[in-house]
Amino acid sequence: MATTIELNGRVREGRGKGVARKLRQVRRIPGVLYGKGVPPVLIDLDEREFTRAAAGHSVSNLILDLKMDVGGTVKTLVREVQTNPVSGSVEHVDLNRISLTEEILVEVPIEITGLAIGVKNSGGIMQTPIRTLAVRCLPHNLPDRISVDVTALEIGMAIHVRDLVLADLTVVSDPDTTLVNVIHPAKVEEVKPVETVAAAAPTEPELVEKKKKAEAEGEESK
């Protein structure tokens, strides 16, 4: 099931790149708290607290009990996390207000487990076309990940969304979507060496004319 962590948050007044830059300099993460029927709220979080609390969890389905300095505790779901491409530090967080009695729509990571027989014994190649699965469920039923066991897959076999047996949630993705399949290994065609035939160098017209002229002059001198 989904992991719930507690974090402290603050309402912030300023907006824009300059404000966000100053917050990051003091290790605060700028963010936005969204909610149905209420205007977005600009917030900021402690970077070290967020990083420590989220360690080891998939932030795509992380539930936060956000203790705000104004308005009390708000139950939220992480909507988006932006990170610095170089340092990996968190630069921005978007959160959604949620209700424990209303279903939410989220993308859950797919976890492949086991080693397919077709790969192990026959040298097949395993393909995983998608990495996440769209599901709808109550917040307390939200899984951290969806495990797919591929041990029994032979070459030519596949597992589709319709093959999953999942409790307490509804899969929104197309039932015919392929989660994983095993295909034949790629054939390496032998390339035959190209035989090189030495061709006689063409005779240039100018040289032919000079040769005929020399032969004619020789005949006249006789």
C-alpha atoms as a PDB file:
ATOM      1  CA  MET A   1       0.000   0.000   0.000  1.00  0.00           C
ATOM      2  CA  ALA A   2       1.001   3.631  -0.394  1.00  0.00           C
ATOM      3  CA  THR A   3       3.359   5.135   2.130  1.00  0.00           C
ATOM      4  CA  THR A   4       2.189   8.131   4.166  1.00  0.00           C
ATOM      5  CA  ILE A   5       4.795  10.502   5.557  1.00  0.00           C
ATOM      6  CA  GLU A   6       4.499  13.659   7.641  1.00  0.00           C
ATOM      7  CA  LEU A   7       6.052  16.934   6.545  1.00  0.00           C
ATOM      8  CA  ASN A   8       5.965  20.534   7.687  1.00  0.00           C
ATOM      9  CA  GLY A   9       4.989  23.168   5.153  1.00  0.00           C
ATOM     10  CA  ARG A  10       4.751  26.937   5.012  1.00  0.00           C
ATOM     11  CA  VAL A  11       2.593  29.303   3.005  1.00  0.00           C
ATOM     12  CA  ARG A  12       4.807  31.617   0.931  1.00  0.00           C
ATOM     13  CA  GLU A  13       3.912  35.065  -0.318  1.00  0.00           C
ATOM     14  CA  GLY A  14       6.325  35.675  -3.175  1.00  0.00           C
ATOM     15  CA  ARG A  15       6.414  34.035  -6.563  1.00  0.00           C
ATOM     16  CA  GLY A  16       8.726  33.944  -9.554  1.00  0.00           C
ATOM     17  CA  LYS A  17      12.224  32.677 -10.326  1.00  0.00           C
ATOM     18  CA  GLY A  18      13.923  35.124  -7.986  1.00  0.00           C
ATOM     19  CA  VAL A  19      11.915  34.008  -4.971  1.00  0.00           C
ATOM     20  CA  ALA A  20      12.384  30.344  -5.875  1.00  0.00           C
ATOM     21  CA  ARG A  21      16.145  30.861  -6.184  1.00  0.00           C
ATOM     22  CA  LYS A  22      16.384  32.455  -2.756  1.00  0.00           C
ATOM     23  CA  LEU A  23      14.377  29.609  -1.212  1.00  0.00           C
ATOM     24  CA  ARG A  24      16.679  26.991  -2.721  1.00  0.00           C
ATOM     25  CA  GLN A  25      19.710  28.856  -1.392  1.00  0.00           C
ATOM     26  CA  VAL A  26      18.437  28.252   2.156  1.00  0.00           C
ATOM     27  CA  ARG A  27      17.469  24.660   1.267  1.00  0.00           C
ATOM     28  CA  ARG A  28      13.735  25.244   0.968  1.00  0.00           C
ATOM     29  CA  ILE A  29      11.713  23.685  -1.862  1.00  0.00           C
ATOM     30  CA  PRO A  30       9.146  25.929  -3.561  1.00  0.00           C
ATOM     31  CA  GLY A  31       5.874  24.218  -4.389  1.00  0.00           C
ATOM     32  CA  VAL A  32       2.175  24.558  -5.127  1.00  0.00           C
ATOM     33  CA  LEU A  33      -0.721  22.923  -3.278  1.00  0.00           C
ATOM     34  CA  TYR A  34      -3.682  22.232  -5.582  1.00  0.00           C
ATOM     35  CA  GLY A  35      -7.215  21.240  -4.634  1.00  0.00           C
ATOM     36  CA  LYS A  36     -10.591  20.728  -6.264  1.00  0.00           C
ATOM     37  CA  GLY A  37     -12.780  23.761  -5.791  1.00  0.00           C
ATOM     38  CA  VAL A  38     -10.122  25.839  -4.022  1.00  0.00           C
ATOM     39  CA  PRO A  39      -7.448  28.167  -5.442  1.00  0.00           C
ATOM     40  CA  PRO A  40      -3.828  26.920  -5.561  1.00  0.00           C
ATOM     41  CA  VAL A  41      -1.674  27.790  -2.553  1.00  0.00           C
ATOM     42  CA  LEU A  42       2.017  28.694  -2.868  1.00  0.00           C
ATOM     43  CA  ILE A  43       4.057  26.735  -0.318  1.00  0.00           C
ATOM     44  CA  ASP A  44       7.604  25.766   0.508  1.00  0.00           C
ATOM     45  CA  LEU A  45       9.080  22.695   2.219  1.00  0.00           C
ATOM     46  CA  ASP A  46      12.324  21.884   3.998  1.00  0.00           C
ATOM     47  CA  GLU A  47      14.543  20.168   1.410  1.00  0.00           C
ATOM     48  CA  ARG A  48      16.381  17.930   3.908  1.00  0.00           C
ATOM     49  CA  GLU A  49      13.146  16.861   5.585  1.00  0.00           C
ATOM     50  CA  PHE A  50      11.483  16.028   2.257  1.00  0.00           C
ATOM     51  CA  THR A  51      14.504  14.139   0.900  1.00  0.00           C
ATOM     52  CA  ARG A  52      14.924  12.150   4.100  1.00  0.00           C
ATOM     53  CA  ALA A  53      11.226  11.271   4.353  1.00  0.00           C
ATOM     54  CA  ALA A  54      10.875  10.307   0.685  1.00  0.00           C
ATOM     55  CA  ALA A  55      14.041   8.172   0.553  1.00  0.00           C
ATOM     56  CA  GLY A  56      13.287   4.647  -0.659  1.00  0.00           C
ATOM     57  CA  HIS A  57       9.751   5.469  -1.785  1.00  0.00           C
ATOM     58  CA  SER A  58       8.265   6.126  -5.200  1.00  0.00           C
ATOM     59  CA  VAL A  59       7.361   9.805  -5.062  1.00  0.00           C
ATOM     60  CA  SER A  60       4.799   9.310  -7.826  1.00  0.00           C
ATOM     61  CA  ASN A  61       2.343   7.813  -5.321  1.00  0.00           C
ATOM     62  CA  LEU A  62       3.561   9.218  -2.027  1.00  0.00           C
ATOM     63  CA  ILE A  63       0.905  10.498   0.373  1.00  0.00           C
ATOM     64  CA  LEU A  64       1.892  13.442   2.565  1.00  0.00           C
ATOM     65  CA  ASP A  65       0.268  14.587   5.778  1.00  0.00           C
ATOM     66  CA  LEU A  66       1.291  18.204   5.304  1.00  0.00           C
ATOM     67  CA  LYS A  67       1.321  20.191   8.542  1.00  0.00           C
ATOM     68  CA  MET A  68       0.913  23.776   7.383  1.00  0.00           C
ATOM     69  CA  ASP A  69       1.742  26.830   9.465  1.00  0.00           C
ATOM     70  CA  VAL A  70      -1.642  28.185   8.358  1.00  0.00           C
ATOM     71  CA  GLY A  71      -4.763  26.009   8.066  1.00  0.00           C
ATOM     72  CA  GLY A  72      -3.656  22.910   9.936  1.00  0.00           C
ATOM     73  CA  THR A  73      -2.815  19.467   8.478  1.00  0.00           C
ATOM     74  CA  VAL A  74      -3.707  18.695   4.858  1.00  0.00           C
ATOM     75  CA  LYS A  75      -3.636  15.211   3.337  1.00  0.00           C
ATOM     76  CA  THR A  76      -1.992  15.416  -0.065  1.00  0.00           C
ATOM     77  CA  LEU A  77      -0.643  13.305  -2.902  1.00  0.00           C
ATOM     78  CA  VAL A  78       2.600  14.186  -4.683  1.00  0.00           C
ATOM     79  CA  ARG A  79       1.625  15.327  -8.173  1.00  0.00           C
ATOM     80  CA  GLU A  80       5.022  16.197  -9.621  1.00  0.00           C
ATOM     81  CA  VAL A  81       8.620  16.508  -8.444  1.00  0.00           C
ATOM     82  CA  GLN A  82      11.140  18.518 -10.456  1.00  0.00           C
ATOM     83  CA  THR A  83      14.816  17.794  -9.876  1.00  0.00           C
ATOM     84  CA  ASN A  84      18.036  19.454 -10.968  1.00  0.00           C
ATOM     85  CA  PRO A  85      19.444  17.430 -13.922  1.00  0.00           C
ATOM     86  CA  VAL A  86      23.016  17.878 -12.671  1.00  0.00           C
ATOM     87  CA  SER A  87      22.884  17.697  -8.868  1.00  0.00           C
ATOM     88  CA  GLY A  88      19.685  15.661  -8.556  1.00  0.00           C
ATOM     89  CA  SER A  89      18.377  17.972  -5.829  1.00  0.00           C
ATOM     90  CA  VAL A  90      14.636  18.630  -5.627  1.00  0.00           C
ATOM     91  CA  GLU A  91      13.772  22.043  -7.088  1.00  0.00           C
ATOM     92  CA  HIS A  92       9.972  22.111  -7.097  1.00  0.00           C
ATOM     93  CA  VAL A  93       7.054  20.042  -5.780  1.00  0.00           C
ATOM     94  CA  ASP A  94       3.396  20.051  -6.802  1.00  0.00           C
ATOM     95  CA  LEU A  95       0.879  18.514  -4.384  1.00  0.00           C
ATOM     96  CA  ASN A  96      -2.811  17.629  -4.705  1.00  0.00           C
ATOM     97  CA  ARG A  97      -5.271  17.739  -1.824  1.00  0.00           C
ATOM     98  CA  ILE A  98      -7.015  14.369  -1.446  1.00  0.00           C
ATOM     99  CA  SER A  99      -9.893  12.905   0.543  1.00  0.00           C
ATOM    100  CA  LEU A 100      -9.693   9.458   2.108  1.00  0.00           C
ATOM    101  CA  THR A 101     -13.243   8.768   0.916  1.00  0.00           C
ATOM    102  CA  GLU A 102     -12.722   9.741  -2.750  1.00  0.00           C
ATOM    103  CA  GLU A 103     -10.908   7.667  -5.374  1.00  0.00           C
ATOM    104  CA  ILE A 104      -7.797   9.086  -7.010  1.00  0.00           C
ATOM    105  CA  LEU A 105      -6.339   8.459 -10.464  1.00  0.00           C
ATOM    106  CA  VAL A 106      -2.591   7.802 -10.456  1.00  0.00           C
ATOM    107  CA  GLU A 107       0.225   6.184 -12.421  1.00  0.00           C
ATOM    108  CA  VAL A 108       1.776   3.291 -10.487  1.00  0.00           C
ATOM    109  CA  PRO A 109       5.269   1.959 -11.352  1.00  0.00           C
ATOM    110  CA  ILE A 110       5.489  -1.587 -12.754  1.00  0.00           C
ATOM    111  CA  GLU A 111       8.055  -3.872 -11.108  1.00  0.00           C
ATOM    112  CA  ILE A 112       9.283  -6.874 -13.111  1.00  0.00           C
ATOM    113  CA  THR A 113      10.192  -9.881 -10.937  1.00  0.00           C
ATOM    114  CA  GLY A 114      11.779 -13.225 -11.808  1.00  0.00           C
ATOM    115  CA  LEU A 115      13.741 -14.379 -14.858  1.00  0.00           C
ATOM    116  CA  ALA A 116      11.741 -15.542 -17.862  1.00  0.00           C
ATOM    117  CA  ILE A 117      12.364 -19.162 -18.940  1.00  0.00           C
ATOM    118  CA  GLY A 118      12.531 -18.012 -22.543  1.00  0.00           C
ATOM    119  CA  VAL A 119      15.393 -15.683 -21.653  1.00  0.00           C
ATOM    120  CA  LYS A 120      17.187 -18.087 -19.324  1.00  0.00           C
ATOM    121  CA  ASN A 121      17.027 -21.235 -21.461  1.00  0.00           C
ATOM    122  CA  SER A 122      16.514 -20.034 -25.020  1.00  0.00           C
ATOM    123  CA  GLY A 123      18.328 -16.719 -25.198  1.00  0.00           C
ATOM    124  CA  GLY A 124      15.133 -14.760 -25.802  1.00  0.00           C
ATOM    125  CA  ILE A 125      14.885 -11.015 -25.392  1.00  0.00           C
ATOM    126  CA  MET A 126      12.443  -9.551 -22.868  1.00  0.00           C
ATOM    127  CA  GLN A 127      10.650  -6.329 -23.762  1.00  0.00           C
ATOM    128  CA  THR A 128       8.808  -3.996 -21.367  1.00  0.00           C
ATOM    129  CA  PRO A 129       6.853  -1.476 -23.496  1.00  0.00           C
ATOM    130  CA  ILE A 130       5.445   0.506 -20.541  1.00  0.00           C
ATOM    131  CA  ARG A 131       6.822   1.468 -17.128  1.00  0.00           C
ATOM    132  CA  THR A 132       3.660   2.581 -15.300  1.00  0.00           C
ATOM    133  CA  LEU A 133       0.014   1.617 -15.088  1.00  0.00           C
ATOM    134  CA  ALA A 134      -2.928   3.997 -14.653  1.00  0.00           C
ATOM    135  CA  VAL A 135      -5.204   2.926 -11.774  1.00  0.00           C
ATOM    136  CA  ARG A 136      -8.110   4.366  -9.806  1.00  0.00           C
ATOM    137  CA  CYS A 137      -8.524   3.615  -6.098  1.00  0.00           C
ATOM    138  CA  LEU A 138      -9.029   5.031  -2.621  1.00  0.00           C
ATOM    139  CA  PRO A 139      -5.871   6.616  -1.187  1.00  0.00           C
ATOM    140  CA  HIS A 140      -5.345   3.925   1.466  1.00  0.00           C
ATOM    141  CA  ASN A 141      -5.440   1.215  -1.265  1.00  0.00           C
ATOM    142  CA  LEU A 142      -2.841   2.883  -3.465  1.00  0.00           C
ATOM    143  CA  PRO A 143       0.057   0.418  -4.039  1.00  0.00           C
ATOM    144  CA  ASP A 144       3.699   1.501  -4.041  1.00  0.00           C
ATOM    145  CA  ARG A 145       4.201  -0.603  -7.181  1.00  0.00           C
ATOM    146  CA  ILE A 146       2.585  -3.347  -9.223  1.00  0.00           C
ATOM    147  CA  SER A 147       4.696  -6.520  -9.385  1.00  0.00           C
ATOM    148  CA  VAL A 148       4.626  -8.639 -12.542  1.00  0.00           C
ATOM    149  CA  ASP A 149       6.202 -12.118 -12.313  1.00  0.00           C
ATOM    150  CA  VAL A 150       7.710 -13.132 -15.676  1.00  0.00           C
ATOM    151  CA  THR A 151       9.243 -16.474 -14.615  1.00  0.00           C
ATOM    152  CA  ALA A 152       6.877 -18.638 -16.722  1.00  0.00           C
ATOM    153  CA  LEU A 153       7.259 -16.681 -19.961  1.00  0.00           C
ATOM    154  CA  GLU A 154       8.566 -18.681 -22.930  1.00  0.00           C
ATOM    155  CA  ILE A 155       9.602 -17.128 -26.238  1.00  0.00           C
ATOM    156  CA  GLY A 156       6.506 -15.790 -27.971  1.00  0.00           C
ATOM    157  CA  MET A 157       4.552 -15.327 -24.733  1.00  0.00           C
ATOM    158  CA  ALA A 158       3.384 -12.055 -23.175  1.00  0.00           C
ATOM    159  CA  ILE A 159       1.580 -10.619 -20.167  1.00  0.00           C
ATOM    160  CA  HIS A 160      -1.142  -8.048 -20.809  1.00  0.00           C
ATOM    161  CA  VAL A 161      -3.058  -5.704 -18.535  1.00  0.00           C
ATOM    162  CA  ARG A 162      -6.055  -8.081 -18.663  1.00  0.00           C
ATOM    163  CA  ASP A 163      -3.922 -10.835 -17.095  1.00  0.00           C
ATOM    164  CA  LEU A 164      -3.381  -8.910 -13.852  1.00  0.00           C
ATOM    165  CA  VAL A 165      -5.312  -9.829 -10.715  1.00  0.00           C
ATOM    166  CA  LEU A 166      -5.390  -6.746  -8.485  1.00  0.00           C
ATOM    167  CA  ALA A 167      -7.544  -6.151  -5.432  1.00  0.00           C
ATOM    168  CA  ASP A 168      -9.102  -2.887  -4.248  1.00  0.00           C
ATOM    169  CA  LEU A 169      -8.300  -0.901  -7.379  1.00  0.00           C
ATOM    170  CA  THR A 170      -9.445  -0.438 -10.956  1.00  0.00           C
ATOM    171  CA  VAL A 171      -6.984  -0.487 -13.814  1.00  0.00           C
ATOM    172  CA  VAL A 172      -7.715   2.336 -16.242  1.00  0.00           C
ATOM    173  CA  SER A 173      -5.145   1.371 -18.886  1.00  0.00           C
ATOM    174  CA  ASP A 174      -6.307  -0.524 -22.003  1.00  0.00           C
ATOM    175  CA  PRO A 175      -6.746  -4.257 -21.143  1.00  0.00           C
ATOM    176  CA  ASP A 176      -4.916  -5.233 -24.353  1.00  0.00           C
ATOM    177  CA  THR A 177      -1.810  -3.240 -23.445  1.00  0.00           C
ATOM    178  CA  THR A 178       1.299  -5.431 -23.293  1.00  0.00           C
ATOM    179  CA  LEU A 179       3.206  -5.190 -20.037  1.00  0.00           C
ATOM    180  CA  VAL A 180       6.046  -7.566 -20.947  1.00  0.00           C
ATOM    181  CA  ASN A 181       6.818 -10.072 -23.693  1.00  0.00           C
ATOM    182  CA  VAL A 182       9.667 -12.357 -24.755  1.00  0.00           C
ATOM    183  CA  ILE A 183      10.780 -12.464 -28.392  1.00  0.00           C
ATOM    184  CA  HIS A 184      13.271 -14.537 -30.377  1.00  0.00           C
ATOM    185  CA  PRO A 185      16.866 -13.324 -30.246  1.00  0.00           C
ATOM    186  CA  ALA A 186      17.925 -11.261 -33.229  1.00  0.00           C
ATOM    187  CA  LYS A 187      19.541 -13.317 -36.003  1.00  0.00           C
ATOM    188  CA  VAL A 188      22.981 -12.257 -37.080  1.00  0.00           C
ATOM    189  CA  GLU A 189      23.277 -12.734 -40.838  1.00  0.00           C
ATOM    190  CA  GLU A 190      26.680 -13.772 -42.173  1.00  0.00           C
ATOM    191  CA  VAL A 191      27.993 -11.237 -44.616  1.00  0.00           C
ATOM    192  CA  LYS A 192      29.871 -12.895 -47.497  1.00  0.00           C
ATOM    193  CA  PRO A 193      33.073 -11.181 -48.598  1.00  0.00           C
ATOM    194  CA  VAL A 194      32.799  -9.396 -51.918  1.00  0.00           C
ATOM    195  CA  GLU A 195      35.059 -10.934 -54.551  1.00  0.00           C
ATOM    196  CA  THR A 196      37.148  -8.310 -56.278  1.00  0.00           C
ATOM    197  CA  VAL A 197      37.819  -8.895 -59.953  1.00  0.00           C
ATOM    198  CA  ALA A 198      40.765  -6.996 -61.360  1.00  0.00           C
ATOM    199  CA  ALA A 199      39.564  -5.174 -64.418  1.00  0.00           C
ATOM    200  CA  ALA A 200      41.881  -4.139 -67.203  1.00  0.00           C
ATOM    201  CA  ALA A 201      42.555  -0.456 -67.226  1.00  0.00           C
ATOM    202  CA  PRO A 202      40.679   1.195 -70.071  1.00  0.00           C
ATOM    203  CA  THR A 203      42.796   2.506 -72.873  1.00  0.00           C
ATOM    204  CA  GLU A 204      42.577   6.224 -73.183  1.00  0.00           C
ATOM    205  CA  PRO A 205      41.565   7.481 -76.689  1.00  0.00           C
ATOM    206  CA  GLU A 206      44.451   9.956 -76.801  1.00  0.00           C
ATOM    207  CA  LEU A 207      47.024   7.179 -76.318  1.00  0.00           C
ATOM    208  CA  VAL A 208      45.373   5.084 -79.039  1.00  0.00           C
ATOM    209  CA  GLU A 209      45.568   7.958 -81.519  1.00  0.00           C
ATOM    210  CA  LYS A 210      49.273   8.536 -80.732  1.00  0.00           C
ATOM    211  CA  LYS A 211      50.009   4.844 -81.231  1.00  0.00           C
ATOM    212  CA  LYS A 212      48.247   4.732 -84.629  1.00  0.00           C
ATOM    213  CA  LYS A 213      50.074   7.901 -85.736  1.00  0.00           C
ATOM    214  CA  ALA A 214      53.478   6.451 -84.753  1.00  0.00           C
ATOM    215  CA  GLU A 215      52.731   3.220 -86.657  1.00  0.00           C
ATOM    216  CA  ALA A 216      51.732   5.221 -89.758  1.00  0.00           C
ATOM    217  CA  GLU A 217      54.913   7.314 -89.656  1.00  0.00           C
ATOM    218  CA  GLY A 218      56.934   4.147 -89.355  1.00  0.00           C
ATOM    219  CA  GLU A 219      55.367   2.720 -92.487  1.00  0.00           C
ATOM    220  CA  GLU A 220      56.125   5.889 -94.469  1.00  0.00           C
ATOM    221  CA  SER A 221      59.789   5.879 -93.441  1.00  0.00           C
ATOM    222  CA  LYS A 222      60.127   2.442 -94.961  1.00  0.00           C
END
